[in-house]
């Protein structure tokens, strides 16, 4: 699992900031909202995205946290509607 986090960190650090926000937001959304996405390593991705935000000067941590919060909220709402 640590190798996955390290490779994800290395891959994310080469991307533009808006792509980092998009990738992390989509992964968090699918992990919380879609039933078949339970295999995604959400905790490792959150940890790695925090590392990328600390190391990458262009990634704003407040925007990243906002994107993660919004994606988790709407993913949870979609999961509730689908499960209902």
PDB file of N, CA and C in Angstrom:
ATOM      1  N   UNK A   1       0.822  -1.191   0.000  1.00  0.00           N
ATOM      2  CA  UNK A   1       0.000   0.000   0.000  1.00  0.00           C
ATOM      3  C   UNK A   1       0.864   1.251   0.000  1.00  0.00           C
ATOM      4  N   UNK A   2       2.009   1.188   0.666  1.00  0.00           N
ATOM      5  CA  UNK A   2       2.901   2.345   0.689  1.00  0.00           C
ATOM      6  C   UNK A   2       3.464   2.602  -0.701  1.00  0.00           C
ATOM      7  N   UNK A   3       3.714   1.531  -1.460  1.00  0.00           N
ATOM      8  CA  UNK A   3       4.208   1.704  -2.822  1.00  0.00           C
ATOM      9  C   UNK A   3       3.170   2.412  -3.688  1.00  0.00           C
ATOM     10  N   UNK A   4       1.891   2.097  -3.465  1.00  0.00           N
ATOM     11  CA  UNK A   4       0.827   2.755  -4.209  1.00  0.00           C
ATOM     12  C   UNK A   4       0.784   4.240  -3.888  1.00  0.00           C
ATOM     13  N   UNK A   5       0.897   4.582  -2.627  1.00  0.00           N
ATOM     14  CA  UNK A   5       0.886   5.994  -2.234  1.00  0.00           C
ATOM     15  C   UNK A   5       2.099   6.724  -2.797  1.00  0.00           C
ATOM     16  N   UNK A   6       3.256   6.087  -2.791  1.00  0.00           N
ATOM     17  CA  UNK A   6       4.463   6.722  -3.321  1.00  0.00           C
ATOM     18  C   UNK A   6       4.369   6.911  -4.824  1.00  0.00           C
ATOM     19  N   UNK A   7       3.827   5.926  -5.534  1.00  0.00           N
ATOM     20  CA  UNK A   7       3.700   6.075  -6.982  1.00  0.00           C
ATOM     21  C   UNK A   7       2.632   7.111  -7.324  1.00  0.00           C
ATOM     22  N   UNK A   8       1.557   7.157  -6.545  1.00  0.00           N
ATOM     23  CA  UNK A   8       0.514   8.152  -6.781  1.00  0.00           C
ATOM     24  C   UNK A   8       1.046   9.556  -6.536  1.00  0.00           C
ATOM     25  N   UNK A   9       1.870   9.703  -5.510  1.00  0.00           N
ATOM     26  CA  UNK A   9       2.501  10.981  -5.209  1.00  0.00           C
ATOM     27  C   UNK A   9       3.413  11.412  -6.349  1.00  0.00           C
ATOM     28  N   UNK A  10       4.201  10.503  -6.878  1.00  0.00           N
ATOM     29  CA  UNK A  10       5.113  10.826  -7.976  1.00  0.00           C
ATOM     30  C   UNK A  10       4.344  11.170  -9.244  1.00  0.00           C
ATOM     31  N   UNK A  11       3.245  10.490  -9.497  1.00  0.00           N
ATOM     32  CA  UNK A  11       2.461  10.770 -10.690  1.00  0.00           C
ATOM     33  C   UNK A  11       1.699  12.088 -10.571  1.00  0.00           C
ATOM     34  N   UNK A  12       1.163  12.381  -9.407  1.00  0.00           N
ATOM     35  CA  UNK A  12       0.396  13.617  -9.233  1.00  0.00           C
ATOM     36  C   UNK A  12       1.272  14.865  -9.256  1.00  0.00           C
ATOM     37  N   UNK A  13       2.499  14.751  -8.804  1.00  0.00           N
ATOM     38  CA  UNK A  13       3.336  15.947  -8.697  1.00  0.00           C
ATOM     39  C   UNK A  13       3.745  16.497 -10.050  1.00  0.00           C
ATOM     40  N   UNK A  14       3.587  15.733 -11.124  1.00  0.00           N
ATOM     41  CA  UNK A  14       3.946  16.219 -12.453  1.00  0.00           C
ATOM     42  C   UNK A  14       2.769  16.868 -13.167  1.00  0.00           C
ATOM     43  N   UNK A  15       1.582  16.833 -12.597  1.00  0.00           N
ATOM     44  CA  UNK A  15       0.389  17.362 -13.253  1.00  0.00           C
ATOM     45  C   UNK A  15       0.151  18.824 -12.895  1.00  0.00           C
ATOM     46  N   UNK A  16      -0.690  19.463 -13.715  1.00  0.00           N
ATOM     47  CA  UNK A  16      -1.116  20.830 -13.425  1.00  0.00           C
ATOM     48  C   UNK A  16      -2.061  20.807 -12.222  1.00  0.00           C
ATOM     49  N   UNK A  17      -2.137  21.904 -11.476  1.00  0.00           N
ATOM     50  CA  UNK A  17      -2.965  21.914 -10.254  1.00  0.00           C
ATOM     51  C   UNK A  17      -4.439  21.594 -10.496  1.00  0.00           C
ATOM     52  N   UNK A  18      -5.030  22.098 -11.581  1.00  0.00           N
ATOM     53  CA  UNK A  18      -6.445  21.829 -11.800  1.00  0.00           C
ATOM     54  C   UNK A  18      -6.690  20.351 -12.085  1.00  0.00           C
ATOM     55  N   UNK A  19      -5.718  19.661 -12.673  1.00  0.00           N
ATOM     56  CA  UNK A  19      -5.872  18.225 -12.882  1.00  0.00           C
ATOM     57  C   UNK A  19      -5.772  17.456 -11.568  1.00  0.00           C
ATOM     58  N   UNK A  20      -4.953  17.942 -10.658  1.00  0.00           N
ATOM     59  CA  UNK A  20      -4.857  17.313  -9.340  1.00  0.00           C
ATOM     60  C   UNK A  20      -6.189  17.438  -8.615  1.00  0.00           C
ATOM     61  N   UNK A  21      -6.781  18.640  -8.652  1.00  0.00           N
ATOM     62  CA  UNK A  21      -8.088  18.838  -8.022  1.00  0.00           C
ATOM     63  C   UNK A  21      -9.133  17.920  -8.655  1.00  0.00           C
ATOM     64  N   UNK A  22      -9.113  17.827  -9.975  1.00  0.00           N
ATOM     65  CA  UNK A  22     -10.096  17.024 -10.691  1.00  0.00           C
ATOM     66  C   UNK A  22      -9.944  15.538 -10.382  1.00  0.00           C
ATOM     67  N   UNK A  23      -8.730  15.030 -10.434  1.00  0.00           N
ATOM     68  CA  UNK A  23      -8.500  13.604 -10.204  1.00  0.00           C
ATOM     69  C   UNK A  23      -8.878  13.214  -8.776  1.00  0.00           C
ATOM     70  N   UNK A  24      -8.426  13.987  -7.816  1.00  0.00           N
ATOM     71  CA  UNK A  24      -8.731  13.669  -6.417  1.00  0.00           C
ATOM     72  C   UNK A  24     -10.232  13.796  -6.160  1.00  0.00           C
ATOM     73  N   UNK A  25     -10.865  14.823  -6.706  1.00  0.00           N
ATOM     74  CA  UNK A  25     -12.305  14.996  -6.526  1.00  0.00           C
ATOM     75  C   UNK A  25     -13.118  13.866  -7.130  1.00  0.00           C
ATOM     76  N   UNK A  26     -12.744  13.430  -8.319  1.00  0.00           N
ATOM     77  CA  UNK A  26     -13.469  12.330  -8.969  1.00  0.00           C
ATOM     78  C   UNK A  26     -13.290  11.031  -8.191  1.00  0.00           C
ATOM     79  N   UNK A  27     -12.082  10.762  -7.728  1.00  0.00           N
ATOM     80  CA  UNK A  27     -11.845   9.529  -6.975  1.00  0.00           C
ATOM     81  C   UNK A  27     -12.629   9.537  -5.661  1.00  0.00           C
ATOM     82  N   UNK A  28     -12.633  10.661  -4.959  1.00  0.00           N
ATOM     83  CA  UNK A  28     -13.384  10.743  -3.700  1.00  0.00           C
ATOM     84  C   UNK A  28     -14.882  10.636  -3.968  1.00  0.00           C
ATOM     85  N   UNK A  29     -15.359  11.272  -5.033  1.00  0.00           N
ATOM     86  CA  UNK A  29     -16.779  11.195  -5.383  1.00  0.00           C
ATOM     87  C   UNK A  29     -17.195   9.756  -5.657  1.00  0.00           C
ATOM     88  N   UNK A  30     -16.431   9.059  -6.479  1.00  0.00           N
ATOM     89  CA  UNK A  30     -16.794   7.686  -6.808  1.00  0.00           C
ATOM     90  C   UNK A  30     -16.639   6.749  -5.619  1.00  0.00           C
ATOM     91  N   UNK A  31     -15.672   7.012  -4.770  1.00  0.00           N
ATOM     92  CA  UNK A  31     -15.493   6.143  -3.610  1.00  0.00           C
ATOM     93  C   UNK A  31     -16.659   6.270  -2.634  1.00  0.00           C
ATOM     94  N   UNK A  32     -17.182   7.473  -2.459  1.00  0.00           N
ATOM     95  CA  UNK A  32     -18.263   7.662  -1.493  1.00  0.00           C
ATOM     96  C   UNK A  32     -19.643   7.452  -2.087  1.00  0.00           C
ATOM     97  N   UNK A  33     -19.798   7.595  -3.402  1.00  0.00           N
ATOM     98  CA  UNK A  33     -21.136   7.594  -3.958  1.00  0.00           C
ATOM     99  C   UNK A  33     -21.531   6.421  -4.812  1.00  0.00           C
ATOM    100  N   UNK A  34     -20.576   5.742  -5.393  1.00  0.00           N
ATOM    101  CA  UNK A  34     -20.909   4.680  -6.329  1.00  0.00           C
ATOM    102  C   UNK A  34     -20.581   3.340  -5.678  1.00  0.00           C
ATOM    103  N   UNK A  35     -21.480   2.417  -5.782  1.00  0.00           N
ATOM    104  CA  UNK A  35     -21.336   1.148  -5.071  1.00  0.00           C
ATOM    105  C   UNK A  35     -20.161   0.309  -5.558  1.00  0.00           C
ATOM    106  N   UNK A  36     -19.830   0.366  -6.838  1.00  0.00           N
ATOM    107  CA  UNK A  36     -18.769  -0.488  -7.358  1.00  0.00           C
ATOM    108  C   UNK A  36     -17.379   0.112  -7.192  1.00  0.00           C
ATOM    109  N   UNK A  37     -17.255   1.234  -6.562  1.00  0.00           N
ATOM    110  CA  UNK A  37     -15.953   1.886  -6.398  1.00  0.00           C
ATOM    111  C   UNK A  37     -15.394   1.712  -4.991  1.00  0.00           C
ATOM    112  N   UNK A  38     -15.832   0.690  -4.276  1.00  0.00           N
ATOM    113  CA  UNK A  38     -15.356   0.483  -2.906  1.00  0.00           C
ATOM    114  C   UNK A  38     -13.898   0.056  -2.857  1.00  0.00           C
ATOM    115  N   UNK A  39     -13.332  -0.350  -3.971  1.00  0.00           N
ATOM    116  CA  UNK A  39     -11.954  -0.823  -3.989  1.00  0.00           C
ATOM    117  C   UNK A  39     -10.933   0.303  -4.124  1.00  0.00           C
ATOM    118  N   UNK A  40     -11.370   1.513  -4.315  1.00  0.00           N
ATOM    119  CA  UNK A  40     -10.439   2.633  -4.459  1.00  0.00           C
ATOM    120  C   UNK A  40      -9.787   2.950  -3.116  1.00  0.00           C
ATOM    121  N   UNK A  41      -8.494   3.175  -3.112  1.00  0.00           N
ATOM    122  CA  UNK A  41      -7.795   3.463  -1.843  1.00  0.00           C
ATOM    123  C   UNK A  41      -7.934   4.932  -1.452  1.00  0.00           C
ATOM    124  N   UNK A  42      -9.064   5.294  -0.910  1.00  0.00           N
ATOM    125  CA  UNK A  42      -9.365   6.694  -0.626  1.00  0.00           C
ATOM    126  C   UNK A  42      -8.463   7.333   0.403  1.00  0.00           C
ATOM    127  N   UNK A  43      -8.163   6.625   1.478  1.00  0.00           N
ATOM    128  CA  UNK A  43      -7.312   7.202   2.522  1.00  0.00           C
ATOM    129  C   UNK A  43      -5.902   7.448   2.010  1.00  0.00           C
ATOM    130  N   UNK A  44      -5.383   6.529   1.230  1.00  0.00           N
ATOM    131  CA  UNK A  44      -4.040   6.710   0.664  1.00  0.00           C
ATOM    132  C   UNK A  44      -4.010   7.874  -0.317  1.00  0.00           C
ATOM    133  N   UNK A  45      -5.081   8.032  -1.065  1.00  0.00           N
ATOM    134  CA  UNK A  45      -5.144   9.126  -2.032  1.00  0.00           C
ATOM    135  C   UNK A  45      -5.231  10.466  -1.315  1.00  0.00           C
ATOM    136  N   UNK A  46      -5.989  10.536  -0.230  1.00  0.00           N
ATOM    137  CA  UNK A  46      -6.062  11.782   0.533  1.00  0.00           C
ATOM    138  C   UNK A  46      -4.715  12.134   1.142  1.00  0.00           C
ATOM    139  N   UNK A  47      -4.033  11.147   1.671  1.00  0.00           N
ATOM    140  CA  UNK A  47      -2.706  11.369   2.242  1.00  0.00           C
ATOM    141  C   UNK A  47      -1.720  11.816   1.161  1.00  0.00           C
ATOM    142  N   UNK A  48      -1.751  11.148   0.011  1.00  0.00           N
ATOM    143  CA  UNK A  48      -0.843  11.501  -1.082  1.00  0.00           C
ATOM    144  C   UNK A  48      -1.146  12.883  -1.647  1.00  0.00           C
ATOM    145  N   UNK A  49      -2.422  13.234  -1.737  1.00  0.00           N
ATOM    146  CA  UNK A  49      -2.755  14.558  -2.255  1.00  0.00           C
ATOM    147  C   UNK A  49      -2.306  15.653  -1.292  1.00  0.00           C
ATOM    148  N   UNK A  50      -2.342  15.379   0.001  1.00  0.00           N
ATOM    149  CA  UNK A  50      -1.793  16.329   0.967  1.00  0.00           C
ATOM    150  C   UNK A  50      -0.294  16.488   0.824  1.00  0.00           C
ATOM    151  N   UNK A  51       0.400  15.379   0.572  1.00  0.00           N
ATOM    152  CA  UNK A  51       1.842  15.453   0.327  1.00  0.00           C
ATOM    153  C   UNK A  51       2.158  16.246  -0.931  1.00  0.00           C
ATOM    154  N   UNK A  52       1.368  16.032  -1.979  1.00  0.00           N
ATOM    155  CA  UNK A  52       1.577  16.771  -3.225  1.00  0.00           C
ATOM    156  C   UNK A  52       1.309  18.251  -3.008  1.00  0.00           C
ATOM    157  N   UNK A  53       0.273  18.577  -2.240  1.00  0.00           N
ATOM    158  CA  UNK A  53      -0.032  19.982  -1.967  1.00  0.00           C
ATOM    159  C   UNK A  53       1.086  20.641  -1.178  1.00  0.00           C
ATOM    160  N   UNK A  54       1.717  19.896  -0.282  1.00  0.00           N
ATOM    161  CA  UNK A  54       2.823  20.456   0.498  1.00  0.00           C
ATOM    162  C   UNK A  54       4.073  20.631  -0.352  1.00  0.00           C
ATOM    163  N   UNK A  55       4.309  19.712  -1.277  1.00  0.00           N
ATOM    164  CA  UNK A  55       5.535  19.749  -2.074  1.00  0.00           C
ATOM    165  C   UNK A  55       5.394  20.578  -3.342  1.00  0.00           C
ATOM    166  N   UNK A  56       4.201  20.650  -3.891  1.00  0.00           N
ATOM    167  CA  UNK A  56       3.951  21.342  -5.157  1.00  0.00           C
ATOM    168  C   UNK A  56       3.509  22.759  -4.835  1.00  0.00           C
ATOM    169  N   UNK A  57       4.243  23.735  -5.271  1.00  0.00           N
ATOM    170  CA  UNK A  57       3.955  25.116  -4.906  1.00  0.00           C
ATOM    171  C   UNK A  57       2.669  25.676  -5.472  1.00  0.00           C
ATOM    172  N   UNK A  58       2.167  25.099  -6.565  1.00  0.00           N
ATOM    173  CA  UNK A  58       0.986  25.655  -7.222  1.00  0.00           C
ATOM    174  C   UNK A  58      -0.332  25.104  -6.689  1.00  0.00           C
ATOM    175  N   UNK A  59      -0.292  24.062  -5.884  1.00  0.00           N
ATOM    176  CA  UNK A  59      -1.517  23.448  -5.371  1.00  0.00           C
ATOM    177  C   UNK A  59      -1.906  24.136  -4.065  1.00  0.00           C
ATOM    178  N   UNK A  60      -3.091  24.710  -4.055  1.00  0.00           N
ATOM    179  CA  UNK A  60      -3.601  25.400  -2.876  1.00  0.00           C
ATOM    180  C   UNK A  60      -4.327  24.391  -1.989  1.00  0.00           C
ATOM    181  N   UNK A  61      -3.907  24.277  -0.750  1.00  0.00           N
ATOM    182  CA  UNK A  61      -4.485  23.279   0.155  1.00  0.00           C
ATOM    183  C   UNK A  61      -5.942  23.599   0.481  1.00  0.00           C
ATOM    184  N   UNK A  62      -6.313  24.875   0.530  1.00  0.00           N
ATOM    185  CA  UNK A  62      -7.710  25.235   0.817  1.00  0.00           C
ATOM    186  C   UNK A  62      -8.634  24.823  -0.321  1.00  0.00           C
ATOM    187  N   UNK A  63      -8.183  25.005  -1.548  1.00  0.00           N
ATOM    188  CA  UNK A  63      -8.981  24.561  -2.693  1.00  0.00           C
ATOM    189  C   UNK A  63      -9.074  23.042  -2.707  1.00  0.00           C
ATOM    190  N   UNK A  64      -7.974  22.375  -2.406  1.00  0.00           N
ATOM    191  CA  UNK A  64      -7.964  20.914  -2.386  1.00  0.00           C
ATOM    192  C   UNK A  64      -8.918  20.366  -1.328  1.00  0.00           C
ATOM    193  N   UNK A  65      -8.895  20.936  -0.139  1.00  0.00           N
ATOM    194  CA  UNK A  65      -9.803  20.493   0.924  1.00  0.00           C
ATOM    195  C   UNK A  65     -11.251  20.786   0.542  1.00  0.00           C
ATOM    196  N   UNK A  66     -11.504  21.927  -0.092  1.00  0.00           N
ATOM    197  CA  UNK A  66     -12.862  22.263  -0.527  1.00  0.00           C
ATOM    198  C   UNK A  66     -13.360  21.282  -1.577  1.00  0.00           C
ATOM    199  N   UNK A  67     -12.502  20.944  -2.537  1.00  0.00           N
ATOM    200  CA  UNK A  67     -12.881  19.983  -3.576  1.00  0.00           C
ATOM    201  C   UNK A  67     -13.171  18.619  -2.961  1.00  0.00           C
ATOM    202  N   UNK A  68     -12.340  18.191  -2.023  1.00  0.00           N
ATOM    203  CA  UNK A  68     -12.551  16.896  -1.370  1.00  0.00           C
ATOM    204  C   UNK A  68     -13.854  16.907  -0.577  1.00  0.00           C
ATOM    205  N   UNK A  69     -14.128  17.988   0.143  1.00  0.00           N
ATOM    206  CA  UNK A  69     -15.361  18.083   0.925  1.00  0.00           C
ATOM    207  C   UNK A  69     -16.585  18.051   0.020  1.00  0.00           C
ATOM    208  N   UNK A  70     -16.567  18.837  -1.050  1.00  0.00           N
ATOM    209  CA  UNK A  70     -17.715  18.896  -1.961  1.00  0.00           C
ATOM    210  C   UNK A  70     -17.919  17.552  -2.649  1.00  0.00           C
ATOM    211  N   UNK A  71     -16.831  16.921  -3.083  1.00  0.00           N
ATOM    212  CA  UNK A  71     -16.943  15.617  -3.745  1.00  0.00           C
ATOM    213  C   UNK A  71     -17.478  14.561  -2.789  1.00  0.00           C
ATOM    214  N   UNK A  72     -17.020  14.567  -1.553  1.00  0.00           N
ATOM    215  CA  UNK A  72     -17.507  13.590  -0.575  1.00  0.00           C
ATOM    216  C   UNK A  72     -18.974  13.838  -0.240  1.00  0.00           C
ATOM    217  N   UNK A  73     -19.360  15.100  -0.106  1.00  0.00           N
ATOM    218  CA  UNK A  73     -20.750  15.424   0.218  1.00  0.00           C
ATOM    219  C   UNK A  73     -21.688  14.983  -0.895  1.00  0.00           C
ATOM    220  N   UNK A  74     -21.380  15.396  -2.130  1.00  0.00           N
ATOM    221  CA  UNK A  74     -22.270  15.045  -3.234  1.00  0.00           C
ATOM    222  C   UNK A  74     -22.199  13.556  -3.564  1.00  0.00           C
ATOM    223  N   UNK A  75     -21.050  12.937  -3.381  1.00  0.00           N
ATOM    224  CA  UNK A  75     -20.963  11.493  -3.563  1.00  0.00           C
ATOM    225  C   UNK A  75     -21.830  10.754  -2.567  1.00  0.00           C
ATOM    226  N   UNK A  76     -21.836  11.213  -1.335  1.00  0.00           N
ATOM    227  CA  UNK A  76     -22.677  10.600  -0.313  1.00  0.00           C
ATOM    228  C   UNK A  76     -24.152  10.794  -0.638  1.00  0.00           C
ATOM    229  N   UNK A  77     -24.525  11.962  -1.122  1.00  0.00           N
ATOM    230  CA  UNK A  77     -25.918  12.215  -1.479  1.00  0.00           C
ATOM    231  C   UNK A  77     -26.355  11.339  -2.650  1.00  0.00           C
ATOM    232  N   UNK A  78     -25.486  11.192  -3.649  1.00  0.00           N
ATOM    233  CA  UNK A  78     -25.802  10.332  -4.795  1.00  0.00           C
ATOM    234  C   UNK A  78     -25.918   8.876  -4.338  1.00  0.00           C
ATOM    235  N   UNK A  79     -25.026   8.450  -3.457  1.00  0.00           N
ATOM    236  CA  UNK A  79     -25.101   7.092  -2.920  1.00  0.00           C
ATOM    237  C   UNK A  79     -26.387   6.855  -2.150  1.00  0.00           C
ATOM    238  N   UNK A  80     -26.840   7.859  -1.421  1.00  0.00           N
ATOM    239  CA  UNK A  80     -28.101   7.743  -0.691  1.00  0.00           C
ATOM    240  C   UNK A  80     -29.273   7.602  -1.653  1.00  0.00           C
ATOM    241  N   UNK A  81     -29.283   8.424  -2.703  1.00  0.00           N
ATOM    242  CA  UNK A  81     -30.376   8.374  -3.673  1.00  0.00           C
ATOM    243  C   UNK A  81     -30.373   7.042  -4.420  1.00  0.00           C
ATOM    244  N   UNK A  82     -29.195   6.551  -4.791  1.00  0.00           N
ATOM    245  CA  UNK A  82     -29.119   5.273  -5.500  1.00  0.00           C
ATOM    246  C   UNK A  82     -29.523   4.102  -4.606  1.00  0.00           C
ATOM    247  N   UNK A  83     -29.194   4.170  -3.339  1.00  0.00           N
ATOM    248  CA  UNK A  83     -29.519   3.088  -2.421  1.00  0.00           C
ATOM    249  C   UNK A  83     -30.934   3.115  -1.909  1.00  0.00           C
ATOM    250  N   UNK A  84     -31.579   4.202  -2.083  1.00  0.00           N
ATOM    251  CA  UNK A  84     -32.936   4.368  -1.586  1.00  0.00           C
ATOM    252  C   UNK A  84     -33.865   3.681  -2.491  1.00  0.00           C
TER     253      UNK A  84
END
